Amino acid sequence: MKRRLALFHPGVVLALTLLCSAAYCLFNGPCSLLSADRQAYRWFSHDDYAAAARRFTDPNWRATALFRQGDFEQAAAIWAGADTPEGTFNHGNALLLQGL
């Protein structure tokens, strides 16, 4: 009976493939293994607020990215329906920076 090298076992190959894919995503840009909001946060943390705003699905984060890029009108529109003290505060700041 021949012995197979354990490294070529299908489960090991799959695990190594997934591990390498995850490592590539973490260090080299957008990746389908990350959720849209996690991808957007990576852009946000690298100060690319326009790219982040396009990718965020969470409205509060999207408004924050728009605010940071200077699009106060769109940010204010998103925060207009805020039902939290932070959202109301952010809405007021966005209106203030528009000169309203």
C-alpha atoms as a PDB file:
ATOM      1  CA  MET A   1       0.000   0.000   0.000  1.00  0.00           C
ATOM      2  CA  LYS A   2       1.282   3.457  -0.930  1.00  0.00           C
ATOM      3  CA  ARG A   3       1.313   6.243   1.556  1.00  0.00           C
ATOM      4  CA  ARG A   4       0.047   9.565   0.363  1.00  0.00           C
ATOM      5  CA  LEU A   5       1.509  12.767   1.538  1.00  0.00           C
ATOM      6  CA  ALA A   6      -1.041  14.293   3.921  1.00  0.00           C
ATOM      7  CA  LEU A   7      -0.521  17.721   2.350  1.00  0.00           C
ATOM      8  CA  PHE A   8      -2.392  16.598  -0.784  1.00  0.00           C
ATOM      9  CA  HIS A   9      -5.481  15.450   1.099  1.00  0.00           C
ATOM     10  CA  PRO A  10      -8.510  17.296  -0.416  1.00  0.00           C
ATOM     11  CA  GLY A  11      -9.453  18.843   2.936  1.00  0.00           C
ATOM     12  CA  VAL A  12      -5.947  20.191   3.479  1.00  0.00           C
ATOM     13  CA  VAL A  13      -5.815  21.593  -0.056  1.00  0.00           C
ATOM     14  CA  LEU A  14      -9.168  23.341   0.425  1.00  0.00           C
ATOM     15  CA  ALA A  15      -8.125  24.782   3.788  1.00  0.00           C
ATOM     16  CA  LEU A  16      -4.833  26.083   2.364  1.00  0.00           C
ATOM     17  CA  THR A  17      -6.649  27.614  -0.615  1.00  0.00           C
ATOM     18  CA  LEU A  18      -9.105  29.450   1.630  1.00  0.00           C
ATOM     19  CA  LEU A  19      -6.329  30.597   3.937  1.00  0.00           C
ATOM     20  CA  CYS A  20      -4.290  31.963   1.024  1.00  0.00           C
ATOM     21  CA  SER A  21      -7.375  33.694  -0.425  1.00  0.00           C
ATOM     22  CA  ALA A  22      -8.152  35.341   2.897  1.00  0.00           C
ATOM     23  CA  ALA A  23      -4.554  36.485   3.313  1.00  0.00           C
ATOM     24  CA  TYR A  24      -4.577  37.931  -0.211  1.00  0.00           C
ATOM     25  CA  CYS A  25      -7.787  39.846   0.533  1.00  0.00           C
ATOM     26  CA  LEU A  26      -6.461  41.289   3.754  1.00  0.00           C
ATOM     27  CA  PHE A  27      -3.335  42.705   2.137  1.00  0.00           C
ATOM     28  CA  ASN A  28      -4.282  43.424  -1.482  1.00  0.00           C
ATOM     29  CA  GLY A  29      -7.614  45.227  -1.731  1.00  0.00           C
ATOM     30  CA  PRO A  30     -11.273  44.339  -2.295  1.00  0.00           C
ATOM     31  CA  CYS A  31     -12.267  40.750  -1.796  1.00  0.00           C
ATOM     32  CA  SER A  32     -15.457  38.792  -2.203  1.00  0.00           C
ATOM     33  CA  LEU A  33     -14.810  37.052   1.118  1.00  0.00           C
ATOM     34  CA  LEU A  34     -15.488  40.299   2.980  1.00  0.00           C
ATOM     35  CA  SER A  35     -18.940  41.820   3.372  1.00  0.00           C
ATOM     36  CA  ALA A  36     -19.688  45.059   1.520  1.00  0.00           C
ATOM     37  CA  ASP A  37     -19.461  47.068   4.745  1.00  0.00           C
ATOM     38  CA  ARG A  38     -16.112  45.502   5.685  1.00  0.00           C
ATOM     39  CA  GLN A  39     -14.754  46.299   2.222  1.00  0.00           C
ATOM     40  CA  ALA A  40     -16.076  49.845   2.530  1.00  0.00           C
ATOM     41  CA  TYR A  41     -14.509  50.258   5.966  1.00  0.00           C
ATOM     42  CA  ARG A  42     -11.133  49.318   4.496  1.00  0.00           C
ATOM     43  CA  TRP A  43     -11.516  52.141   1.949  1.00  0.00           C
ATOM     44  CA  PHE A  44     -12.714  54.475   4.718  1.00  0.00           C
ATOM     45  CA  SER A  45      -9.719  53.663   6.913  1.00  0.00           C
ATOM     46  CA  HIS A  46      -7.417  54.527   3.976  1.00  0.00           C
ATOM     47  CA  ASP A  47      -9.148  57.939   3.607  1.00  0.00           C
ATOM     48  CA  ASP A  48     -10.832  57.027   0.303  1.00  0.00           C
ATOM     49  CA  TYR A  49     -14.217  58.322   1.382  1.00  0.00           C
ATOM     50  CA  ALA A  50     -15.761  58.408  -2.102  1.00  0.00           C
ATOM     51  CA  ALA A  51     -15.088  54.697  -2.667  1.00  0.00           C
ATOM     52  CA  ALA A  52     -16.283  53.910   0.856  1.00  0.00           C
ATOM     53  CA  ALA A  53     -19.536  55.856   0.394  1.00  0.00           C
ATOM     54  CA  ARG A  54     -20.301  53.884  -2.780  1.00  0.00           C
ATOM     55  CA  ARG A  55     -19.786  50.557  -0.983  1.00  0.00           C
ATOM     56  CA  PHE A  56     -21.329  51.074   2.462  1.00  0.00           C
ATOM     57  CA  THR A  57     -24.747  49.525   2.937  1.00  0.00           C
ATOM     58  CA  ASP A  58     -25.076  50.837   6.498  1.00  0.00           C
ATOM     59  CA  PRO A  59     -26.689  54.300   6.143  1.00  0.00           C
ATOM     60  CA  ASN A  60     -24.882  55.833   9.126  1.00  0.00           C
ATOM     61  CA  TRP A  61     -21.460  54.780   7.829  1.00  0.00           C
ATOM     62  CA  ARG A  62     -22.396  55.885   4.307  1.00  0.00           C
ATOM     63  CA  ALA A  63     -23.405  59.316   5.607  1.00  0.00           C
ATOM     64  CA  THR A  64     -20.177  59.538   7.602  1.00  0.00           C
ATOM     65  CA  ALA A  65     -18.118  58.786   4.479  1.00  0.00           C
ATOM     66  CA  LEU A  66     -20.078  61.378   2.491  1.00  0.00           C
ATOM     67  CA  PHE A  67     -19.562  63.920   5.271  1.00  0.00           C
ATOM     68  CA  ARG A  68     -15.817  63.227   5.361  1.00  0.00           C
ATOM     69  CA  GLN A  69     -15.527  63.725   1.604  1.00  0.00           C
ATOM     70  CA  GLY A  70     -17.343  67.059   1.916  1.00  0.00           C
ATOM     71  CA  ASP A  71     -20.733  66.061   0.486  1.00  0.00           C
ATOM     72  CA  PHE A  72     -22.683  67.632   3.333  1.00  0.00           C
ATOM     73  CA  GLU A  73     -25.976  67.790   1.423  1.00  0.00           C
ATOM     74  CA  GLN A  74     -26.205  64.025   0.840  1.00  0.00           C
ATOM     75  CA  ALA A  75     -24.968  63.279   4.351  1.00  0.00           C
ATOM     76  CA  ALA A  76     -27.627  65.578   5.817  1.00  0.00           C
ATOM     77  CA  ALA A  77     -30.311  63.881   3.715  1.00  0.00           C
ATOM     78  CA  ILE A  78     -29.358  60.483   5.127  1.00  0.00           C
ATOM     79  CA  TRP A  79     -29.150  61.747   8.705  1.00  0.00           C
ATOM     80  CA  ALA A  80     -32.447  63.674   8.372  1.00  0.00           C
ATOM     81  CA  GLY A  81     -34.389  60.592   9.429  1.00  0.00           C
ATOM     82  CA  ALA A  82     -32.103  59.796  12.344  1.00  0.00           C
ATOM     83  CA  ASP A  83     -33.787  58.629  15.523  1.00  0.00           C
ATOM     84  CA  THR A  84     -30.693  58.723  17.722  1.00  0.00           C
ATOM     85  CA  PRO A  85     -29.030  61.674  19.464  1.00  0.00           C
ATOM     86  CA  GLU A  86     -25.832  61.050  17.471  1.00  0.00           C
ATOM     87  CA  GLY A  87     -27.720  61.022  14.179  1.00  0.00           C
ATOM     88  CA  THR A  88     -29.514  64.245  15.050  1.00  0.00           C
ATOM     89  CA  PHE A  89     -26.222  65.875  16.065  1.00  0.00           C
ATOM     90  CA  ASN A  90     -24.568  64.741  12.818  1.00  0.00           C
ATOM     91  CA  HIS A  91     -27.547  66.009  10.807  1.00  0.00           C
ATOM     92  CA  GLY A  92     -27.199  69.407  12.461  1.00  0.00           C
ATOM     93  CA  ASN A  93     -23.460  69.541  11.728  1.00  0.00           C
ATOM     94  CA  ALA A  94     -24.063  68.655   8.064  1.00  0.00           C
ATOM     95  CA  LEU A  95     -26.672  71.423   7.804  1.00  0.00           C
ATOM     96  CA  LEU A  96     -24.356  73.886   9.528  1.00  0.00           C
ATOM     97  CA  LEU A  97     -21.529  73.139   7.119  1.00  0.00           C
ATOM     98  CA  GLN A  98     -23.907  73.779   4.212  1.00  0.00           C
ATOM     99  CA  GLY A  99     -24.604  77.228   5.648  1.00  0.00           C
ATOM    100  CA  LEU A 100     -28.219  76.455   6.483  1.00  0.00           C
END
